[in-house]
Amino acid sequence: MATRCLISKQIKNNKIELVYCHFDGYPNHVGNLLKNHYDTQEKLDELLKLGDLSSLESSIEKPEGHTFNTPVKGYSVFYGRDRGEEDTDSIIVSDWYKYFRDSHCAYIYIFKDDKWYYSSTDNELKLL
């Protein structure tokens, strides 16, 4: 069973840009990866450009032989790039809590003010 999450950044007017991540959305996996490998606006922007993910790892590069069905260890798997799916681009929402609640995801991660925050089932953002 998957632990789904949303990965996002705050943009102007309190809106957020986000992508979906299907596996291992726990703070001790996705949270740690975000905090340790996607800790700048530039790195996060590169991740968001690739759209929804099956799984997040320490790199978003695509080494030779890396596909959805044959992922290379340590490399993120994206639905669009690695499986050829359409409509997997990031989206912008204005009410992160409502979107999160309706998404059936276990966690949401929001990058704002150069720090990572997360929430689970409540409306409270906690520093990661």
N, C-alpha and C. Protein backbone atom coordinates (compact mmCIF):
# COMPACT_ATOMS: atom_id res chain seq x y z
N MET A 1 0.84 -1.18 0.00
CA MET A 1 0.00 0.00 0.00
C MET A 1 0.88 1.25 0.00
N ALA A 2 0.47 2.25 -0.72
CA ALA A 2 1.26 3.46 -0.89
C ALA A 2 0.93 4.49 0.19
N THR A 3 1.92 5.30 0.52
CA THR A 3 1.70 6.46 1.37
C THR A 3 1.87 7.67 0.49
N ARG A 4 0.74 8.18 0.01
CA ARG A 4 0.74 9.26 -0.96
C ARG A 4 0.98 10.61 -0.29
N CYS A 5 1.57 11.53 -1.06
CA CYS A 5 1.80 12.88 -0.54
C CYS A 5 1.77 13.89 -1.68
N LEU A 6 1.76 15.15 -1.30
CA LEU A 6 1.85 16.26 -2.23
C LEU A 6 3.12 17.03 -1.90
N ILE A 7 3.84 17.43 -2.92
CA ILE A 7 5.07 18.21 -2.78
C ILE A 7 4.81 19.56 -3.43
N SER A 8 5.07 20.64 -2.70
CA SER A 8 4.67 21.94 -3.23
C SER A 8 5.59 23.07 -2.80
N LYS A 9 5.38 24.21 -3.43
CA LYS A 9 6.05 25.43 -3.02
C LYS A 9 5.02 26.54 -2.98
N GLN A 10 5.21 27.44 -2.03
CA GLN A 10 4.32 28.59 -1.94
C GLN A 10 4.72 29.60 -3.01
N ILE A 11 3.70 30.14 -3.69
CA ILE A 11 3.95 31.18 -4.68
C ILE A 11 3.13 32.40 -4.29
N LYS A 12 3.10 33.40 -5.11
CA LYS A 12 2.42 34.65 -4.76
C LYS A 12 0.97 34.45 -4.36
N ASN A 13 0.47 35.38 -3.57
CA ASN A 13 -0.92 35.40 -3.11
C ASN A 13 -1.32 34.13 -2.35
N ASN A 14 -0.36 33.53 -1.63
CA ASN A 14 -0.60 32.32 -0.83
C ASN A 14 -1.06 31.12 -1.63
N LYS A 15 -0.87 31.14 -2.93
CA LYS A 15 -1.15 29.97 -3.74
C LYS A 15 0.04 29.02 -3.65
N ILE A 16 -0.19 27.76 -4.00
CA ILE A 16 0.92 26.81 -4.06
C ILE A 16 0.91 26.09 -5.40
N GLU A 17 2.10 25.74 -5.85
CA GLU A 17 2.28 24.89 -7.01
C GLU A 17 2.65 23.52 -6.47
N LEU A 18 2.00 22.46 -6.97
CA LEU A 18 2.22 21.15 -6.38
C LEU A 18 2.25 20.02 -7.39
N VAL A 19 2.87 18.92 -6.95
CA VAL A 19 2.85 17.65 -7.68
C VAL A 19 2.48 16.55 -6.69
N TYR A 20 2.01 15.45 -7.24
CA TYR A 20 1.62 14.28 -6.48
C TYR A 20 2.78 13.28 -6.46
N CYS A 21 2.96 12.61 -5.31
CA CYS A 21 3.96 11.56 -5.19
C CYS A 21 3.28 10.34 -4.57
N HIS A 22 3.38 9.19 -5.22
CA HIS A 22 2.61 8.01 -4.83
C HIS A 22 3.21 7.21 -3.67
N PHE A 23 4.51 7.00 -3.66
CA PHE A 23 5.10 6.09 -2.67
C PHE A 23 5.94 6.79 -1.61
N ASP A 24 5.93 6.20 -0.44
CA ASP A 24 6.80 6.55 0.68
C ASP A 24 6.76 8.03 1.06
N GLY A 25 5.55 8.56 1.17
CA GLY A 25 5.36 9.97 1.50
C GLY A 25 5.62 10.34 2.94
N TYR A 26 6.06 9.41 3.76
CA TYR A 26 6.33 9.69 5.17
C TYR A 26 7.44 10.73 5.34
N PRO A 27 7.37 11.49 6.43
CA PRO A 27 8.45 12.46 6.70
C PRO A 27 9.84 11.82 6.77
N ASN A 28 9.94 10.58 7.23
CA ASN A 28 11.26 9.95 7.32
C ASN A 28 11.79 9.48 5.97
N HIS A 29 10.98 9.54 4.92
CA HIS A 29 11.50 9.24 3.58
C HIS A 29 11.42 10.49 2.70
N VAL A 30 10.23 10.80 2.18
CA VAL A 30 10.09 11.98 1.30
C VAL A 30 10.52 13.24 2.04
N GLY A 31 10.10 13.39 3.28
CA GLY A 31 10.49 14.58 4.05
C GLY A 31 11.99 14.74 4.14
N ASN A 32 12.69 13.66 4.47
CA ASN A 32 14.15 13.71 4.55
C ASN A 32 14.79 14.03 3.20
N LEU A 33 14.27 13.42 2.15
CA LEU A 33 14.81 13.69 0.82
C LEU A 33 14.63 15.16 0.44
N LEU A 34 13.45 15.70 0.69
CA LEU A 34 13.20 17.10 0.37
C LEU A 34 14.14 18.01 1.15
N LYS A 35 14.26 17.76 2.43
CA LYS A 35 15.08 18.60 3.31
C LYS A 35 16.57 18.52 2.94
N ASN A 36 17.03 17.34 2.54
CA ASN A 36 18.46 17.15 2.30
C ASN A 36 18.89 17.27 0.84
N HIS A 37 17.97 17.13 -0.11
CA HIS A 37 18.36 17.15 -1.53
C HIS A 37 17.63 18.20 -2.36
N TYR A 38 16.52 18.72 -1.86
CA TYR A 38 15.72 19.70 -2.61
C TYR A 38 15.49 20.92 -1.72
N ASP A 39 16.58 21.46 -1.21
CA ASP A 39 16.54 22.48 -0.18
C ASP A 39 16.70 23.90 -0.69
N THR A 40 16.62 24.08 -2.01
CA THR A 40 16.65 25.43 -2.59
C THR A 40 15.49 25.56 -3.58
N GLN A 41 15.13 26.79 -3.84
CA GLN A 41 14.06 27.07 -4.79
C GLN A 41 14.40 26.50 -6.17
N GLU A 42 15.66 26.59 -6.56
CA GLU A 42 16.08 26.12 -7.88
C GLU A 42 15.93 24.60 -8.00
N LYS A 43 16.37 23.88 -7.00
CA LYS A 43 16.26 22.42 -7.02
C LYS A 43 14.80 21.98 -7.02
N LEU A 44 13.98 22.65 -6.22
CA LEU A 44 12.57 22.31 -6.17
C LEU A 44 11.89 22.64 -7.50
N ASP A 45 12.23 23.75 -8.11
CA ASP A 45 11.64 24.10 -9.41
C ASP A 45 11.94 23.04 -10.46
N GLU A 46 13.15 22.49 -10.45
CA GLU A 46 13.50 21.43 -11.39
C GLU A 46 12.65 20.18 -11.14
N LEU A 47 12.42 19.86 -9.88
CA LEU A 47 11.58 18.71 -9.54
C LEU A 47 10.14 18.94 -10.00
N LEU A 48 9.60 20.11 -9.71
CA LEU A 48 8.21 20.41 -10.08
C LEU A 48 8.01 20.41 -11.59
N LYS A 49 9.03 20.79 -12.36
CA LYS A 49 8.93 20.80 -13.82
C LYS A 49 8.65 19.41 -14.39
N LEU A 50 9.08 18.38 -13.66
CA LEU A 50 8.92 17.01 -14.15
C LEU A 50 7.56 16.40 -13.79
N GLY A 51 6.77 17.09 -13.00
CA GLY A 51 5.40 16.66 -12.73
C GLY A 51 5.27 15.57 -11.68
N ASP A 52 4.11 14.90 -11.72
CA ASP A 52 3.76 13.89 -10.72
C ASP A 52 4.75 12.73 -10.72
N LEU A 53 4.96 12.19 -9.52
CA LEU A 53 5.95 11.13 -9.33
C LEU A 53 5.33 9.84 -8.83
N SER A 54 5.96 8.76 -9.20
CA SER A 54 5.68 7.49 -8.56
C SER A 54 6.46 7.42 -7.26
N SER A 55 7.75 7.80 -7.34
CA SER A 55 8.59 7.79 -6.14
C SER A 55 9.68 8.85 -6.23
N LEU A 56 9.96 9.46 -5.09
CA LEU A 56 11.01 10.47 -5.00
C LEU A 56 12.27 9.83 -4.44
N GLU A 57 13.40 10.14 -5.06
CA GLU A 57 14.70 9.69 -4.57
C GLU A 57 15.64 10.89 -4.56
N SER A 58 16.91 10.67 -4.30
CA SER A 58 17.84 11.77 -4.12
C SER A 58 18.19 12.50 -5.42
N SER A 59 17.91 11.91 -6.57
CA SER A 59 18.21 12.55 -7.85
C SER A 59 16.98 12.54 -8.76
N ILE A 60 16.86 13.61 -9.56
CA ILE A 60 15.78 13.65 -10.56
C ILE A 60 16.34 13.43 -11.97
N GLU A 61 17.63 13.19 -12.07
CA GLU A 61 18.24 12.90 -13.36
C GLU A 61 17.70 11.57 -13.89
N LYS A 62 17.94 11.31 -15.17
CA LYS A 62 17.50 10.06 -15.79
C LYS A 62 18.72 9.34 -16.36
N PRO A 63 19.29 8.39 -15.61
CA PRO A 63 20.43 7.66 -16.14
C PRO A 63 20.01 6.66 -17.20
N GLU A 64 20.95 6.19 -17.95
CA GLU A 64 20.67 5.21 -19.00
C GLU A 64 19.99 3.97 -18.41
N GLY A 65 18.94 3.52 -19.07
CA GLY A 65 18.23 2.33 -18.64
C GLY A 65 17.13 2.58 -17.62
N HIS A 66 17.02 3.80 -17.12
CA HIS A 66 16.02 4.14 -16.10
C HIS A 66 14.65 4.32 -16.74
N THR A 67 13.69 3.48 -16.35
CA THR A 67 12.31 3.60 -16.82
C THR A 67 11.38 3.38 -15.63
N PHE A 68 10.10 3.51 -15.88
CA PHE A 68 9.12 3.26 -14.83
C PHE A 68 9.20 1.81 -14.36
N ASN A 69 9.32 0.89 -15.29
CA ASN A 69 9.36 -0.53 -14.94
C ASN A 69 10.73 -1.03 -14.50
N THR A 70 11.79 -0.30 -14.87
CA THR A 70 13.14 -0.70 -14.46
C THR A 70 13.88 0.52 -13.90
N PRO A 71 13.43 1.02 -12.74
CA PRO A 71 14.08 2.20 -12.17
C PRO A 71 15.50 1.90 -11.68
N VAL A 72 16.35 2.89 -11.80
CA VAL A 72 17.71 2.78 -11.28
C VAL A 72 17.68 3.30 -9.85
N LYS A 73 18.26 2.55 -8.94
CA LYS A 73 18.25 2.90 -7.52
C LYS A 73 18.83 4.30 -7.31
N GLY A 74 18.13 5.09 -6.48
CA GLY A 74 18.58 6.44 -6.16
C GLY A 74 18.06 7.52 -7.09
N TYR A 75 17.26 7.12 -8.11
CA TYR A 75 16.73 8.08 -9.08
C TYR A 75 15.20 8.10 -9.03
N SER A 76 14.64 9.29 -9.00
CA SER A 76 13.19 9.47 -8.93
C SER A 76 12.50 8.93 -10.17
N VAL A 77 11.26 8.48 -9.99
CA VAL A 77 10.47 7.94 -11.09
C VAL A 77 9.26 8.85 -11.30
N PHE A 78 9.16 9.39 -12.52
CA PHE A 78 8.09 10.32 -12.87
C PHE A 78 7.11 9.66 -13.82
N TYR A 79 5.82 9.95 -13.64
CA TYR A 79 4.80 9.35 -14.49
C TYR A 79 4.90 9.80 -15.94
N GLY A 80 5.14 11.08 -16.16
CA GLY A 80 5.23 11.58 -17.53
C GLY A 80 6.51 11.15 -18.22
N ARG A 81 7.62 11.51 -17.64
CA ARG A 81 8.92 11.23 -18.25
C ARG A 81 9.21 9.74 -18.36
N ASP A 82 8.92 8.98 -17.31
CA ASP A 82 9.37 7.59 -17.25
C ASP A 82 8.31 6.56 -17.64
N ARG A 83 7.05 6.97 -17.71
CA ARG A 83 6.00 6.03 -18.13
C ARG A 83 5.20 6.56 -19.31
N GLY A 84 5.45 7.79 -19.73
CA GLY A 84 4.80 8.35 -20.90
C GLY A 84 3.37 8.80 -20.67
N GLU A 85 2.95 8.99 -19.43
CA GLU A 85 1.59 9.45 -19.15
C GLU A 85 1.45 10.92 -19.50
N GLU A 86 0.21 11.32 -19.78
CA GLU A 86 -0.09 12.72 -20.05
C GLU A 86 -0.79 13.34 -18.85
N ASP A 87 -0.90 14.65 -18.85
CA ASP A 87 -1.59 15.39 -17.78
C ASP A 87 -0.99 15.12 -16.40
N THR A 88 0.33 15.14 -16.33
CA THR A 88 1.01 14.93 -15.05
C THR A 88 1.76 16.17 -14.59
N ASP A 89 1.51 17.31 -15.25
CA ASP A 89 2.20 18.55 -14.90
C ASP A 89 1.79 19.03 -13.51
N SER A 90 2.63 19.87 -12.93
CA SER A 90 2.28 20.49 -11.65
C SER A 90 1.03 21.34 -11.84
N ILE A 91 0.33 21.58 -10.74
CA ILE A 91 -0.85 22.44 -10.78
C ILE A 91 -0.72 23.51 -9.71
N ILE A 92 -1.50 24.56 -9.86
CA ILE A 92 -1.52 25.66 -8.89
C ILE A 92 -2.89 25.67 -8.23
N VAL A 93 -2.89 25.72 -6.90
CA VAL A 93 -4.14 25.78 -6.14
C VAL A 93 -4.08 26.94 -5.16
N SER A 94 -5.25 27.47 -4.82
CA SER A 94 -5.29 28.62 -3.92
C SER A 94 -5.60 28.23 -2.48
N ASP A 95 -6.20 27.08 -2.26
CA ASP A 95 -6.54 26.64 -0.90
C ASP A 95 -5.86 25.30 -0.65
N TRP A 96 -4.62 25.35 -0.16
CA TRP A 96 -3.86 24.11 -0.02
C TRP A 96 -4.54 23.13 0.91
N TYR A 97 -5.15 23.61 1.98
CA TYR A 97 -5.75 22.68 2.94
C TYR A 97 -6.94 21.94 2.32
N LYS A 98 -7.80 22.64 1.60
CA LYS A 98 -8.95 21.99 0.96
C LYS A 98 -8.48 20.98 -0.09
N TYR A 99 -7.51 21.38 -0.90
CA TYR A 99 -7.01 20.46 -1.92
C TYR A 99 -6.39 19.23 -1.27
N PHE A 100 -5.59 19.44 -0.23
CA PHE A 100 -4.95 18.34 0.49
C PHE A 100 -6.00 17.41 1.09
N ARG A 101 -6.98 17.97 1.75
CA ARG A 101 -8.04 17.17 2.37
C ARG A 101 -8.77 16.32 1.33
N ASP A 102 -9.03 16.89 0.18
CA ASP A 102 -9.77 16.18 -0.87
C ASP A 102 -8.89 15.20 -1.66
N SER A 103 -7.59 15.28 -1.49
CA SER A 103 -6.67 14.48 -2.29
C SER A 103 -6.49 13.05 -1.80
N HIS A 104 -6.87 12.78 -0.57
CA HIS A 104 -6.67 11.47 0.06
C HIS A 104 -5.20 11.13 0.22
N CYS A 105 -4.37 12.15 0.29
CA CYS A 105 -2.94 11.95 0.55
C CYS A 105 -2.71 11.99 2.06
N ALA A 106 -1.66 11.32 2.50
CA ALA A 106 -1.34 11.28 3.93
C ALA A 106 -0.58 12.52 4.39
N TYR A 107 0.21 13.11 3.51
CA TYR A 107 1.04 14.27 3.88
C TYR A 107 1.07 15.28 2.75
N ILE A 108 1.30 16.54 3.14
CA ILE A 108 1.61 17.60 2.19
C ILE A 108 2.89 18.28 2.68
N TYR A 109 3.78 18.57 1.74
CA TYR A 109 5.02 19.27 2.02
C TYR A 109 4.98 20.59 1.27
N ILE A 110 5.27 21.68 1.98
CA ILE A 110 5.24 23.01 1.37
C ILE A 110 6.57 23.71 1.65
N PHE A 111 7.22 24.16 0.58
CA PHE A 111 8.47 24.92 0.69
C PHE A 111 8.10 26.39 0.67
N LYS A 112 8.39 27.08 1.76
CA LYS A 112 8.14 28.52 1.82
C LYS A 112 9.17 29.16 2.72
N ASP A 113 9.56 30.38 2.37
CA ASP A 113 10.58 31.11 3.13
C ASP A 113 11.86 30.29 3.30
N ASP A 114 12.22 29.55 2.25
CA ASP A 114 13.44 28.73 2.22
C ASP A 114 13.47 27.63 3.27
N LYS A 115 12.30 27.17 3.71
CA LYS A 115 12.21 26.08 4.67
C LYS A 115 11.10 25.14 4.25
N TRP A 116 11.22 23.88 4.64
CA TRP A 116 10.20 22.87 4.37
C TRP A 116 9.26 22.75 5.57
N TYR A 117 7.97 22.72 5.26
CA TYR A 117 6.93 22.50 6.25
C TYR A 117 6.10 21.30 5.79
N TYR A 118 5.41 20.68 6.72
CA TYR A 118 4.53 19.58 6.35
C TYR A 118 3.30 19.56 7.24
N SER A 119 2.28 18.87 6.76
CA SER A 119 1.07 18.66 7.54
C SER A 119 0.56 17.27 7.22
N SER A 120 -0.14 16.70 8.18
CA SER A 120 -0.78 15.41 7.91
C SER A 120 -2.28 15.64 7.88
N THR A 121 -3.00 15.32 8.88
CA THR A 121 -4.45 15.43 8.81
C THR A 121 -5.03 16.69 9.40
N ASP A 122 -4.20 17.55 9.95
CA ASP A 122 -4.71 18.79 10.53
C ASP A 122 -4.35 19.97 9.63
N ASN A 123 -4.79 21.13 10.04
CA ASN A 123 -4.56 22.35 9.27
C ASN A 123 -3.26 23.03 9.68
N GLU A 124 -2.49 22.39 10.54
CA GLU A 124 -1.28 22.99 11.08
C GLU A 124 -0.05 22.58 10.27
N LEU A 125 0.71 23.58 9.84
CA LEU A 125 1.99 23.30 9.18
C LEU A 125 3.07 23.24 10.23
N LYS A 126 3.87 22.19 10.16
CA LYS A 126 4.96 22.00 11.10
C LYS A 126 6.28 22.08 10.34
N LEU A 127 7.29 22.66 10.98
CA LEU A 127 8.62 22.73 10.37
C LEU A 127 9.17 21.33 10.24
N LEU A 128 9.69 21.02 9.08
CA LEU A 128 10.24 19.68 8.83
C LEU A 128 11.64 19.58 9.43
